[in-house]
C-alpha atoms as a PDB file:
ATOM      1  CA  UNK A   1      74.618  75.539  91.369  1.00  0.00           C
ATOM      2  CA  UNK A   2      76.847  74.643  94.255  1.00  0.00           C
ATOM      3  CA  UNK A   3      79.817  76.909  95.276  1.00  0.00           C
ATOM      4  CA  UNK A   4      81.386  74.441  97.758  1.00  0.00           C
ATOM      5  CA  UNK A   5      84.501  73.967  95.633  1.00  0.00           C
ATOM      6  CA  UNK A   6      84.685  77.439  94.182  1.00  0.00           C
ATOM      7  CA  UNK A   7      87.801  78.403  95.949  1.00  0.00           C
ATOM      8  CA  UNK A   8      89.563  75.360  94.688  1.00  0.00           C
ATOM      9  CA  UNK A   9      88.618  76.396  91.102  1.00  0.00           C
ATOM     10  CA  UNK A  10      91.002  79.367  91.355  1.00  0.00           C
ATOM     11  CA  UNK A  11      94.394  77.859  90.392  1.00  0.00           C
ATOM     12  CA  UNK A  12      97.497  78.972  92.310  1.00  0.00           C
ATOM     13  CA  UNK A  13      99.003  80.818  89.573  1.00  0.00           C
ATOM     14  CA  UNK A  14      95.766  82.857  89.040  1.00  0.00           C
ATOM     15  CA  UNK A  15      95.722  83.745  92.723  1.00  0.00           C
ATOM     16  CA  UNK A  16      99.364  84.863  92.324  1.00  0.00           C
ATOM     17  CA  UNK A  17      98.413  86.922  89.311  1.00  0.00           C
ATOM     18  CA  UNK A  18      95.233  88.385  91.024  1.00  0.00           C
ATOM     19  CA  UNK A  19      96.579  89.084  94.583  1.00  0.00           C
ATOM     20  CA  UNK A  20     100.374  89.194  95.019  1.00  0.00           C
ATOM     21  CA  UNK A  21     101.197  92.173  92.900  1.00  0.00           C
ATOM     22  CA  UNK A  22      98.716  94.266  94.849  1.00  0.00           C
ATOM     23  CA  UNK A  23     100.608  93.624  98.085  1.00  0.00           C
ATOM     24  CA  UNK A  24     104.214  94.051  96.631  1.00  0.00           C
ATOM     25  CA  UNK A  25     104.372  96.263  93.484  1.00  0.00           C
ATOM     26  CA  UNK A  26     107.500  95.968  91.323  1.00  0.00           C
ATOM     27  CA  UNK A  27     109.155  99.210  90.154  1.00  0.00           C
ATOM     28  CA  UNK A  28     107.817  98.410  86.749  1.00  0.00           C
ATOM     29  CA  UNK A  29     104.270  98.175  87.984  1.00  0.00           C
ATOM     30  CA  UNK A  30     104.492 101.418  89.936  1.00  0.00           C
ATOM     31  CA  UNK A  31     105.695 103.076  86.894  1.00  0.00           C
ATOM     32  CA  UNK A  32     103.036 101.511  84.779  1.00  0.00           C
ATOM     33  CA  UNK A  33     100.363 102.919  87.164  1.00  0.00           C
ATOM     34  CA  UNK A  34     102.071 106.311  87.225  1.00  0.00           C
ATOM     35  CA  UNK A  35      99.822 107.675  84.484  1.00  0.00           C
ATOM     36  CA  UNK A  36      96.729 106.500  86.123  1.00  0.00           C
ATOM     37  CA  UNK A  37      97.641 107.996  89.549  1.00  0.00           C
ATOM     38  CA  UNK A  38      98.602 111.211  88.143  1.00  0.00           C
ATOM     39  CA  UNK A  39      95.184 111.768  86.496  1.00  0.00           C
ATOM     40  CA  UNK A  40      93.318 110.390  89.535  1.00  0.00           C
ATOM     41  CA  UNK A  41      92.643 113.668  91.350  1.00  0.00           C
ATOM     42  CA  UNK A  42      89.675 113.762  93.811  1.00  0.00           C
ATOM     43  CA  UNK A  43      87.500 115.406  91.187  1.00  0.00           C
ATOM     44  CA  UNK A  44      88.363 113.017  88.303  1.00  0.00           C
ATOM     45  CA  UNK A  45      88.441 109.912  90.542  1.00  0.00           C
ATOM     46  CA  UNK A  46      87.377 106.810  88.671  1.00  0.00           C
ATOM     47  CA  UNK A  47      87.126 103.241  89.947  1.00  0.00           C
ATOM     48  CA  UNK A  48      88.600 100.788  87.512  1.00  0.00           C
ATOM     49  CA  UNK A  49      86.609  97.578  87.228  1.00  0.00           C
ATOM     50  CA  UNK A  50      89.023  94.793  86.580  1.00  0.00           C
ATOM     51  CA  UNK A  51      86.313  92.220  86.587  1.00  0.00           C
ATOM     52  CA  UNK A  52      84.554  93.902  83.754  1.00  0.00           C
ATOM     53  CA  UNK A  53      87.745  94.240  81.717  1.00  0.00           C
ATOM     54  CA  UNK A  54      88.697  90.540  82.323  1.00  0.00           C
ATOM     55  CA  UNK A  55      85.284  88.890  81.889  1.00  0.00           C
ATOM     56  CA  UNK A  56      84.527  90.865  78.823  1.00  0.00           C
ATOM     57  CA  UNK A  57      87.466  89.334  76.858  1.00  0.00           C
ATOM     58  CA  UNK A  58      86.428  86.911  74.069  1.00  0.00           C
ATOM     59  CA  UNK A  59      87.771  83.476  74.700  1.00  0.00           C
ATOM     60  CA  UNK A  60      89.042  83.042  71.026  1.00  0.00           C
ATOM     61  CA  UNK A  61      91.045  86.310  71.374  1.00  0.00           C
ATOM     62  CA  UNK A  62      92.066  85.983  75.008  1.00  0.00           C
ATOM     63  CA  UNK A  63      95.789  86.801  74.696  1.00  0.00           C
ATOM     64  CA  UNK A  64      95.090  89.919  72.590  1.00  0.00           C
ATOM     65  CA  UNK A  65      92.425  90.893  75.117  1.00  0.00           C
ATOM     66  CA  UNK A  66      94.898  90.648  77.953  1.00  0.00           C
ATOM     67  CA  UNK A  67      97.378  92.841  76.146  1.00  0.00           C
ATOM     68  CA  UNK A  68      94.667  95.527  75.742  1.00  0.00           C
ATOM     69  CA  UNK A  69      93.959  95.761  79.392  1.00  0.00           C
ATOM     70  CA  UNK A  70      97.423  94.986  80.737  1.00  0.00           C
ATOM     71  CA  UNK A  71      98.491  98.763  81.123  1.00  0.00           C
ATOM     72  CA  UNK A  72      95.406  99.730  83.206  1.00  0.00           C
ATOM     73  CA  UNK A  73      95.538  96.504  85.211  1.00  0.00           C
ATOM     74  CA  UNK A  74      99.132  95.783  85.671  1.00  0.00           C
ATOM     75  CA  UNK A  75      98.577  95.663  89.458  1.00  0.00           C
ATOM     76  CA  UNK A  76      96.656  92.429  88.850  1.00  0.00           C
ATOM     77  CA  UNK A  77      98.417  91.069  85.842  1.00  0.00           C
ATOM     78  CA  UNK A  78     102.012  91.687  86.642  1.00  0.00           C
ATOM     79  CA  UNK A  79     104.693  91.039  84.038  1.00  0.00           C
ATOM     80  CA  UNK A  80     104.170  87.389  83.161  1.00  0.00           C
ATOM     81  CA  UNK A  81     100.554  87.632  81.799  1.00  0.00           C
ATOM     82  CA  UNK A  82     101.818  86.766  78.274  1.00  0.00           C
ATOM     83  CA  UNK A  83     103.124  83.310  79.196  1.00  0.00           C
ATOM     84  CA  UNK A  84     101.044  80.507  77.781  1.00  0.00           C
ATOM     85  CA  UNK A  85     100.332  78.996  81.267  1.00  0.00           C
ATOM     86  CA  UNK A  86      99.153  82.367  82.665  1.00  0.00           C
ATOM     87  CA  UNK A  87      96.894  82.977  79.585  1.00  0.00           C
ATOM     88  CA  UNK A  88      95.522  79.463  79.894  1.00  0.00           C
ATOM     89  CA  UNK A  89      94.812  79.853  83.564  1.00  0.00           C
ATOM     90  CA  UNK A  90      93.100  83.089  83.340  1.00  0.00           C
ATOM     91  CA  UNK A  91      91.008  81.986  80.464  1.00  0.00           C
ATOM     92  CA  UNK A  92      89.787  78.983  82.371  1.00  0.00           C
ATOM     93  CA  UNK A  93      89.114  81.187  85.376  1.00  0.00           C
ATOM     94  CA  UNK A  94      86.915  83.460  83.177  1.00  0.00           C
ATOM     95  CA  UNK A  95      85.178  80.596  81.331  1.00  0.00           C
ATOM     96  CA  UNK A  96      84.329  78.671  84.410  1.00  0.00           C
ATOM     97  CA  UNK A  97      80.510  78.728  84.933  1.00  0.00           C
ATOM     98  CA  UNK A  98      80.542  79.354  88.607  1.00  0.00           C
ATOM     99  CA  UNK A  99      82.871  82.165  88.158  1.00  0.00           C
ATOM    100  CA  UNK A 100      80.624  83.576  85.519  1.00  0.00           C
ATOM    101  CA  UNK A 101      77.752  83.322  87.828  1.00  0.00           C
ATOM    102  CA  UNK A 102      79.482  85.215  90.536  1.00  0.00           C
ATOM    103  CA  UNK A 103      80.492  87.800  88.017  1.00  0.00           C
ATOM    104  CA  UNK A 104      76.935  88.223  86.841  1.00  0.00           C
ATOM    105  CA  UNK A 105      75.782  88.718  90.431  1.00  0.00           C
ATOM    106  CA  UNK A 106      78.376  91.444  90.794  1.00  0.00           C
ATOM    107  CA  UNK A 107      77.091  93.192  87.782  1.00  0.00           C
ATOM    108  CA  UNK A 108      73.491  92.890  89.043  1.00  0.00           C
ATOM    109  CA  UNK A 109      74.431  94.190  92.584  1.00  0.00           C
ATOM    110  CA  UNK A 110      76.842  96.827  91.271  1.00  0.00           C
ATOM    111  CA  UNK A 111      75.706  97.990  87.768  1.00  0.00           C
ATOM    112  CA  UNK A 112      77.641 101.095  88.296  1.00  0.00           C
ATOM    113  CA  UNK A 113      79.832 102.496  91.057  1.00  0.00           C
ATOM    114  CA  UNK A 114      78.800 106.181  90.959  1.00  0.00           C
ATOM    115  CA  UNK A 115      77.417 106.322  94.545  1.00  0.00           C
ATOM    116  CA  UNK A 116      80.531 104.712  95.962  1.00  0.00           C
ATOM    117  CA  UNK A 117      82.749 106.888  93.860  1.00  0.00           C
ATOM    118  CA  UNK A 118      81.064 109.923  95.283  1.00  0.00           C
ATOM    119  CA  UNK A 119      81.665 108.602  98.801  1.00  0.00           C
ATOM    120  CA  UNK A 120      85.266 108.018  98.146  1.00  0.00           C
ATOM    121  CA  UNK A 121      85.648 111.537  96.973  1.00  0.00           C
ATOM    122  CA  UNK A 122      84.315 112.870 100.191  1.00  0.00           C
ATOM    123  CA  UNK A 123      86.515 110.539 102.245  1.00  0.00           C
ATOM    124  CA  UNK A 124      89.685 111.361 100.255  1.00  0.00           C
ATOM    125  CA  UNK A 125      89.051 114.987 100.557  1.00  0.00           C
ATOM    126  CA  UNK A 126      89.032 114.699 104.454  1.00  0.00           C
ATOM    127  CA  UNK A 127      92.146 112.487 104.261  1.00  0.00           C
ATOM    128  CA  UNK A 128      94.038 115.184 102.479  1.00  0.00           C
ATOM    129  CA  UNK A 129      92.877 117.650 105.102  1.00  0.00           C
ATOM    130  CA  UNK A 130      93.924 115.524 107.890  1.00  0.00           C
ATOM    131  CA  UNK A 131      97.143 114.172 106.351  1.00  0.00           C
ATOM    132  CA  UNK A 132      98.792 116.937 104.354  1.00  0.00           C
ATOM    133  CA  UNK A 133     100.485 115.583 101.219  1.00  0.00           C
ATOM    134  CA  UNK A 134      98.520 112.405 101.093  1.00  0.00           C
ATOM    135  CA  UNK A 135      98.303 111.002  97.627  1.00  0.00           C
ATOM    136  CA  UNK A 136      95.113 109.220  96.889  1.00  0.00           C
ATOM    137  CA  UNK A 137      95.351 105.671  95.364  1.00  0.00           C
ATOM    138  CA  UNK A 138      93.852 104.268  92.271  1.00  0.00           C
ATOM    139  CA  UNK A 139      90.893 102.330  93.240  1.00  0.00           C
ATOM    140  CA  UNK A 140      90.077  98.933  91.557  1.00  0.00           C
ATOM    141  CA  UNK A 141      87.451  96.295  91.851  1.00  0.00           C
ATOM    142  CA  UNK A 142      87.640  92.676  90.913  1.00  0.00           C
ATOM    143  CA  UNK A 143      86.190  89.104  91.465  1.00  0.00           C
ATOM    144  CA  UNK A 144      88.333  87.549  93.942  1.00  0.00           C
ATOM    145  CA  UNK A 145      87.017  83.946  94.203  1.00  0.00           C
ATOM    146  CA  UNK A 146      85.427  84.630  97.605  1.00  0.00           C
ATOM    147  CA  UNK A 147      88.462  85.874  99.524  1.00  0.00           C
ATOM    148  CA  UNK A 148      86.583  86.578 102.714  1.00  0.00           C
ATOM    149  CA  UNK A 149      89.805  86.955 104.699  1.00  0.00           C
ATOM    150  CA  UNK A 150      91.151  89.877 102.664  1.00  0.00           C
ATOM    151  CA  UNK A 151      88.315  91.545 100.777  1.00  0.00           C
ATOM    152  CA  UNK A 152      90.246  94.823 100.779  1.00  0.00           C
ATOM    153  CA  UNK A 153      93.917  95.241  99.733  1.00  0.00           C
ATOM    154  CA  UNK A 154      95.756  98.368  99.982  1.00  0.00           C
ATOM    155  CA  UNK A 155      99.207  99.724  98.991  1.00  0.00           C
ATOM    156  CA  UNK A 156     100.148 103.410  98.713  1.00  0.00           C
ATOM    157  CA  UNK A 157      99.214 103.525  95.149  1.00  0.00           C
ATOM    158  CA  UNK A 158      96.311 100.953  94.818  1.00  0.00           C
ATOM    159  CA  UNK A 159      93.173 100.177  96.730  1.00  0.00           C
ATOM    160  CA  UNK A 160      91.617  96.879  95.645  1.00  0.00           C
ATOM    161  CA  UNK A 161      87.974  95.806  96.505  1.00  0.00           C
ATOM    162  CA  UNK A 162      86.652  92.255  96.033  1.00  0.00           C
ATOM    163  CA  UNK A 163      83.146  92.975  94.970  1.00  0.00           C
ATOM    164  CA  UNK A 164      82.167  89.268  95.317  1.00  0.00           C
ATOM    165  CA  UNK A 165      82.554  89.754  99.067  1.00  0.00           C
ATOM    166  CA  UNK A 166      79.924  92.471  99.259  1.00  0.00           C
ATOM    167  CA  UNK A 167      76.850  90.790  97.547  1.00  0.00           C
ATOM    168  CA  UNK A 168      74.570  91.012 100.611  1.00  0.00           C
ATOM    169  CA  UNK A 169      74.418  88.931 103.833  1.00  0.00           C
ATOM    170  CA  UNK A 170      71.621  86.731 102.358  1.00  0.00           C
ATOM    171  CA  UNK A 171      73.688  85.842  99.236  1.00  0.00           C
ATOM    172  CA  UNK A 172      73.431  81.957  98.903  1.00  0.00           C
ATOM    173  CA  UNK A 173      76.973  81.608  97.736  1.00  0.00           C
ATOM    174  CA  UNK A 174      78.243  82.618 101.156  1.00  0.00           C
ATOM    175  CA  UNK A 175      76.284  79.888 102.876  1.00  0.00           C
ATOM    176  CA  UNK A 176      77.320  77.184 100.366  1.00  0.00           C
ATOM    177  CA  UNK A 177      81.043  77.770 100.953  1.00  0.00           C
ATOM    178  CA  UNK A 178      80.642  77.939 104.706  1.00  0.00           C
ATOM    179  CA  UNK A 179      81.142  81.604 105.548  1.00  0.00           C
ATOM    180  CA  UNK A 180      79.837  82.011 109.206  1.00  0.00           C
ATOM    181  CA  UNK A 181      76.704  84.027 109.644  1.00  0.00           C
ATOM    182  CA  UNK A 182      78.416  86.510 111.825  1.00  0.00           C
ATOM    183  CA  UNK A 183      80.867  87.376 108.954  1.00  0.00           C
ATOM    184  CA  UNK A 184      78.133  87.117 106.151  1.00  0.00           C
ATOM    185  CA  UNK A 185      76.199  89.854 108.158  1.00  0.00           C
ATOM    186  CA  UNK A 186      78.917  92.320 107.188  1.00  0.00           C
ATOM    187  CA  UNK A 187      79.301  91.365 103.549  1.00  0.00           C
ATOM    188  CA  UNK A 188      77.123  94.166 102.179  1.00  0.00           C
ATOM    189  CA  UNK A 189      77.671  97.212 100.017  1.00  0.00           C
ATOM    190  CA  UNK A 190      77.301  99.481 102.988  1.00  0.00           C
ATOM    191  CA  UNK A 191      80.519  97.959 104.531  1.00  0.00           C
ATOM    192  CA  UNK A 192      82.712  98.648 101.487  1.00  0.00           C
ATOM    193  CA  UNK A 193      83.754 102.183 102.582  1.00  0.00           C
ATOM    194  CA  UNK A 194      84.311 101.462 106.221  1.00  0.00           C
ATOM    195  CA  UNK A 195      86.371  98.420 105.324  1.00  0.00           C
ATOM    196  CA  UNK A 196      88.446 100.429 102.914  1.00  0.00           C
ATOM    197  CA  UNK A 197      89.188 103.157 105.344  1.00  0.00           C
ATOM    198  CA  UNK A 198      90.123 100.675 107.958  1.00  0.00           C
ATOM    199  CA  UNK A 199      92.547  99.101 105.640  1.00  0.00           C
ATOM    200  CA  UNK A 200      93.990 102.420 104.587  1.00  0.00           C
ATOM    201  CA  UNK A 201      94.587 103.242 108.250  1.00  0.00           C
ATOM    202  CA  UNK A 202      96.903 100.420 108.867  1.00  0.00           C
ATOM    203  CA  UNK A 203     100.194 101.763 107.274  1.00  0.00           C
ATOM    204  CA  UNK A 204      99.941 104.943 109.449  1.00  0.00           C
ATOM    205  CA  UNK A 205      99.617 103.095 112.652  1.00  0.00           C
ATOM    206  CA  UNK A 206     102.867 102.616 114.483  1.00  0.00           C
ATOM    207  CA  UNK A 207     102.876  99.292 116.471  1.00  0.00           C
ATOM    208  CA  UNK A 208     104.258  98.834 120.009  1.00  0.00           C
ATOM    209  CA  UNK A 209     107.289  96.722 120.361  1.00  0.00           C
ATOM    210  CA  UNK A 210     105.646  94.853 123.331  1.00  0.00           C
ATOM    211  CA  UNK A 211     102.151  93.416 122.432  1.00  0.00           C
ATOM    212  CA  UNK A 212      99.855  93.336 125.327  1.00  0.00           C
ATOM    213  CA  UNK A 213      96.067  93.457 125.186  1.00  0.00           C
ATOM    214  CA  UNK A 214      96.012  97.187 125.715  1.00  0.00           C
ATOM    215  CA  UNK A 215      98.335  97.669 122.654  1.00  0.00           C
ATOM    216  CA  UNK A 216      96.008  95.562 120.463  1.00  0.00           C
ATOM    217  CA  UNK A 217      92.927  97.427 121.774  1.00  0.00           C
ATOM    218  CA  UNK A 218      94.543 100.921 121.144  1.00  0.00           C
ATOM    219  CA  UNK A 219      95.698  99.919 117.611  1.00  0.00           C
ATOM    220  CA  UNK A 220      92.231  98.659 116.637  1.00  0.00           C
ATOM    221  CA  UNK A 221      90.701 101.761 118.254  1.00  0.00           C
ATOM    222  CA  UNK A 222      93.011 104.105 116.032  1.00  0.00           C
ATOM    223  CA  UNK A 223      91.882 102.090 112.922  1.00  0.00           C
ATOM    224  CA  UNK A 224      88.254 102.505 113.900  1.00  0.00           C
ATOM    225  CA  UNK A 225      88.816 106.212 114.760  1.00  0.00           C
ATOM    226  CA  UNK A 226      90.498 106.871 111.414  1.00  0.00           C
ATOM    227  CA  UNK A 227      87.513 105.331 109.507  1.00  0.00           C
ATOM    228  CA  UNK A 228      85.069 107.336 111.738  1.00  0.00           C
ATOM    229  CA  UNK A 229      86.801 110.599 110.871  1.00  0.00           C
ATOM    230  CA  UNK A 230      87.010 109.909 107.179  1.00  0.00           C
ATOM    231  CA  UNK A 231      83.467 108.776 106.951  1.00  0.00           C
ATOM    232  CA  UNK A 232      81.591 111.250 109.324  1.00  0.00           C
ATOM    233  CA  UNK A 233      78.219 110.294 107.804  1.00  0.00           C
ATOM    234  CA  UNK A 234      78.542 106.594 108.341  1.00  0.00           C
ATOM    235  CA  UNK A 235      76.988 104.963 111.453  1.00  0.00           C
ATOM    236  CA  UNK A 236      79.109 103.541 114.221  1.00  0.00           C
ATOM    237  CA  UNK A 237      77.641 100.038 113.536  1.00  0.00           C
ATOM    238  CA  UNK A 238      78.861 100.045 110.072  1.00  0.00           C
ATOM    239  CA  UNK A 239      82.343 101.353 111.139  1.00  0.00           C
ATOM    240  CA  UNK A 240      82.858  98.459 113.594  1.00  0.00           C
ATOM    241  CA  UNK A 241      80.675  95.915 111.756  1.00  0.00           C
ATOM    242  CA  UNK A 242      78.267  95.409 114.640  1.00  0.00           C
ATOM    243  CA  UNK A 243      74.452  95.079 114.514  1.00  0.00           C
ATOM    244  CA  UNK A 244      72.461  97.778 116.300  1.00  0.00           C
ATOM    245  CA  UNK A 245      71.759  95.367 119.077  1.00  0.00           C
ATOM    246  CA  UNK A 246      75.484  94.547 119.474  1.00  0.00           C
ATOM    247  CA  UNK A 247      76.406  98.181 119.630  1.00  0.00           C
ATOM    248  CA  UNK A 248      73.764  98.790 122.262  1.00  0.00           C
ATOM    249  CA  UNK A 249      75.122  95.819 124.335  1.00  0.00           C
ATOM    250  CA  UNK A 250      78.599  97.464 124.248  1.00  0.00           C
ATOM    251  CA  UNK A 251      77.173 100.755 125.481  1.00  0.00           C
ATOM    252  CA  UNK A 252      75.075  99.075 128.278  1.00  0.00           C
ATOM    253  CA  UNK A 253      78.061  97.000 129.286  1.00  0.00           C
ATOM    254  CA  UNK A 254      80.873  99.333 128.899  1.00  0.00           C
ATOM    255  CA  UNK A 255      81.643  99.528 132.658  1.00  0.00           C
ATOM    256  CA  UNK A 256      81.305  95.737 133.036  1.00  0.00           C
ATOM    257  CA  UNK A 257      83.820  95.159 130.136  1.00  0.00           C
ATOM    258  CA  UNK A 258      86.303  97.537 131.564  1.00  0.00           C
ATOM    259  CA  UNK A 259      86.009  96.210 135.120  1.00  0.00           C
ATOM    260  CA  UNK A 260      86.422  92.598 133.961  1.00  0.00           C
ATOM    261  CA  UNK A 261      89.783  93.535 132.248  1.00  0.00           C
ATOM    262  CA  UNK A 262      91.036  95.380 135.332  1.00  0.00           C
ATOM    263  CA  UNK A 263      89.875  92.874 137.844  1.00  0.00           C
ATOM    264  CA  UNK A 264      91.298  89.938 136.089  1.00  0.00           C
ATOM    265  CA  UNK A 265      94.601  91.828 135.296  1.00  0.00           C
ATOM    266  CA  UNK A 266      94.201  91.301 131.534  1.00  0.00           C
ATOM    267  CA  UNK A 267      94.836  94.816 130.310  1.00  0.00           C
ATOM    268  CA  UNK A 268      98.588  94.241 130.334  1.00  0.00           C
ATOM    269  CA  UNK A 269      98.617  90.532 129.536  1.00  0.00           C
ATOM    270  CA  UNK A 270     100.686  89.317 126.643  1.00  0.00           C
ATOM    271  CA  UNK A 271      99.001  85.764 126.706  1.00  0.00           C
ATOM    272  CA  UNK A 272      97.553  84.936 123.424  1.00  0.00           C
ATOM    273  CA  UNK A 273      94.372  83.656 124.988  1.00  0.00           C
ATOM    274  CA  UNK A 274      93.622  86.878 126.777  1.00  0.00           C
ATOM    275  CA  UNK A 275      94.169  88.811 123.501  1.00  0.00           C
ATOM    276  CA  UNK A 276      92.156  86.400 121.497  1.00  0.00           C
ATOM    277  CA  UNK A 277      89.039  86.535 123.820  1.00  0.00           C
ATOM    278  CA  UNK A 278      88.724  90.314 123.263  1.00  0.00           C
ATOM    279  CA  UNK A 279      90.209  90.831 119.813  1.00  0.00           C
ATOM    280  CA  UNK A 280      89.487  87.926 117.616  1.00  0.00           C
ATOM    281  CA  UNK A 281      86.384  87.795 115.354  1.00  0.00           C
ATOM    282  CA  UNK A 282      83.717  85.327 116.215  1.00  0.00           C
ATOM    283  CA  UNK A 283      79.908  85.108 117.110  1.00  0.00           C
ATOM    284  CA  UNK A 284      80.402  86.584 120.583  1.00  0.00           C
ATOM    285  CA  UNK A 285      82.920  87.357 123.361  1.00  0.00           C
ATOM    286  CA  UNK A 286      83.539  84.076 125.160  1.00  0.00           C
ATOM    287  CA  UNK A 287      83.643  85.745 128.654  1.00  0.00           C
ATOM    288  CA  UNK A 288      80.302  87.231 128.330  1.00  0.00           C
ATOM    289  CA  UNK A 289      76.821  86.288 127.120  1.00  0.00           C
ATOM    290  CA  UNK A 290      75.890  85.222 123.614  1.00  0.00           C
ATOM    291  CA  UNK A 291      74.235  88.599 123.164  1.00  0.00           C
ATOM    292  CA  UNK A 292      77.721  90.345 123.323  1.00  0.00           C
ATOM    293  CA  UNK A 293      79.606  90.899 119.991  1.00  0.00           C
ATOM    294  CA  UNK A 294      83.114  89.694 119.516  1.00  0.00           C
ATOM    295  CA  UNK A 295      86.092  92.203 119.342  1.00  0.00           C
ATOM    296  CA  UNK A 296      84.811  93.945 122.411  1.00  0.00           C
ATOM    297  CA  UNK A 297      88.390  94.949 123.021  1.00  0.00           C
ATOM    298  CA  UNK A 298      88.412  96.867 119.780  1.00  0.00           C
ATOM    299  CA  UNK A 299      85.321  98.656 120.680  1.00  0.00           C
ATOM    300  CA  UNK A 300      86.850  99.728 124.073  1.00  0.00           C
ATOM    301  CA  UNK A 301      89.957 100.803 122.279  1.00  0.00           C
ATOM    302  CA  UNK A 302      87.974 103.025 120.093  1.00  0.00           C
ATOM    303  CA  UNK A 303      86.259 104.615 123.126  1.00  0.00           C
ATOM    304  CA  UNK A 304      89.771 105.306 124.660  1.00  0.00           C
ATOM    305  CA  UNK A 305      91.076 106.864 121.493  1.00  0.00           C
ATOM    306  CA  UNK A 306      87.954 109.024 120.987  1.00  0.00           C
ATOM    307  CA  UNK A 307      88.529 110.302 124.555  1.00  0.00           C
ATOM    308  CA  UNK A 308      92.115 110.921 123.990  1.00  0.00           C
ATOM    309  CA  UNK A 309      91.452 112.862 120.869  1.00  0.00           C
ATOM    310  CA  UNK A 310      88.705 114.885 122.603  1.00  0.00           C
ATOM    311  CA  UNK A 311      90.927 115.872 125.579  1.00  0.00           C
ATOM    312  CA  UNK A 312      94.251 116.508 123.707  1.00  0.00           C
ATOM    313  CA  UNK A 313      95.498 118.739 121.095  1.00  0.00           C
ATOM    314  CA  UNK A 314      96.471 116.109 118.526  1.00  0.00           C
ATOM    315  CA  UNK A 315      96.044 115.741 114.713  1.00  0.00           C
ATOM    316  CA  UNK A 316      95.182 112.250 113.558  1.00  0.00           C
ATOM    317  CA  UNK A 317      98.648 111.767 112.042  1.00  0.00           C
ATOM    318  CA  UNK A 318     100.108 112.315 115.526  1.00  0.00           C
ATOM    319  CA  UNK A 319      97.711 109.822 117.080  1.00  0.00           C
ATOM    320  CA  UNK A 320      98.575 107.097 114.531  1.00  0.00           C
ATOM    321  CA  UNK A 321     102.301 107.694 115.019  1.00  0.00           C
ATOM    322  CA  UNK A 322     102.128 107.437 118.781  1.00  0.00           C
ATOM    323  CA  UNK A 323     102.998 103.889 119.672  1.00  0.00           C
ATOM    324  CA  UNK A 324     102.792 104.421 123.487  1.00  0.00           C
ATOM    325  CA  UNK A 325      99.463 102.969 124.322  1.00  0.00           C
ATOM    326  CA  UNK A 326      99.863 103.690 128.048  1.00  0.00           C
ATOM    327  CA  UNK A 327     100.359 107.247 127.386  1.00  0.00           C
ATOM    328  CA  UNK A 328      97.301 107.357 125.280  1.00  0.00           C
ATOM    329  CA  UNK A 329      95.306 105.629 127.916  1.00  0.00           C
ATOM    330  CA  UNK A 330      96.549 107.940 130.567  1.00  0.00           C
ATOM    331  CA  UNK A 331      95.972 111.256 128.705  1.00  0.00           C
ATOM    332  CA  UNK A 332      92.620 110.071 127.432  1.00  0.00           C
ATOM    333  CA  UNK A 333      90.975 110.583 130.756  1.00  0.00           C
ATOM    334  CA  UNK A 334      88.809 107.656 129.701  1.00  0.00           C
ATOM    335  CA  UNK A 335      86.083 106.757 132.208  1.00  0.00           C
ATOM    336  CA  UNK A 336      83.639 103.911 131.161  1.00  0.00           C
ATOM    337  CA  UNK A 337      80.032 104.868 131.292  1.00  0.00           C
ATOM    338  CA  UNK A 338      77.861 103.166 133.977  1.00  0.00           C
ATOM    339  CA  UNK A 339      74.333 102.211 133.092  1.00  0.00           C
END
């Protein structure tokens, strides 16, 4: 079965119902979720599976089925799920054979989420230790219609995971809709936790008013460092999404990378091209060999941030709030390793 046109099968109104409420909750939605959040301590953490709730509704009782799940899944359904158009669109989405096939694959790959839940408990415990007063979000999963650009969505009260974007790098559906190999390689279950932690880091990061390459590097470095701290048992290659060979290439060429930036006066460049070369996703970094990974600027930023935290008495909350990238670089004592 071809997945080439799967994304087009997700009507605009369904995209709005599935995605927009997760990024901008109404007061009513936040109140509806209050009961879930209050009971969602680390010990009692439960991942709510919207895909199971939605795809389990019988077609001949679809409106009634939506009403039954509306309170637990208001972050997806919003306030207009009872309208005839919304009911029809959601019903068609669930009944579509290709969507059914993707849902079945999600059930096959993720029959339960016990292991992932356990990992979240450990990560959230560290977060509460590192960031006093932090309130853990309610965690949800869903079938997104292959939203490879935003597989994780996060607000202060909801963390939403698109399970169909973690079905394995060899999943045929990814090839058929044209997802590049360098992205598909990261679409595995092992990347769920790192992707979530990086998404959760973003609200804590204070951005610099002037965006030069160094700023972008340090901001990405903070995100990677945040994920690294919250997931101490996860490998560096999963944190940044590199292969073992790509990570080794960076370590072997760290001094060359840094020297290239300095010698070409790119570190303080605000040109989009300079920033793109070192920060944009792709098969490799254009200025280097095809064995190099992309986003080498993010990797360098990570090394700078690690050095800064090693050499300064700073909590992670203070690091994230410091928007002065130059200060972080100067106080890091960073020296690229020579091979």
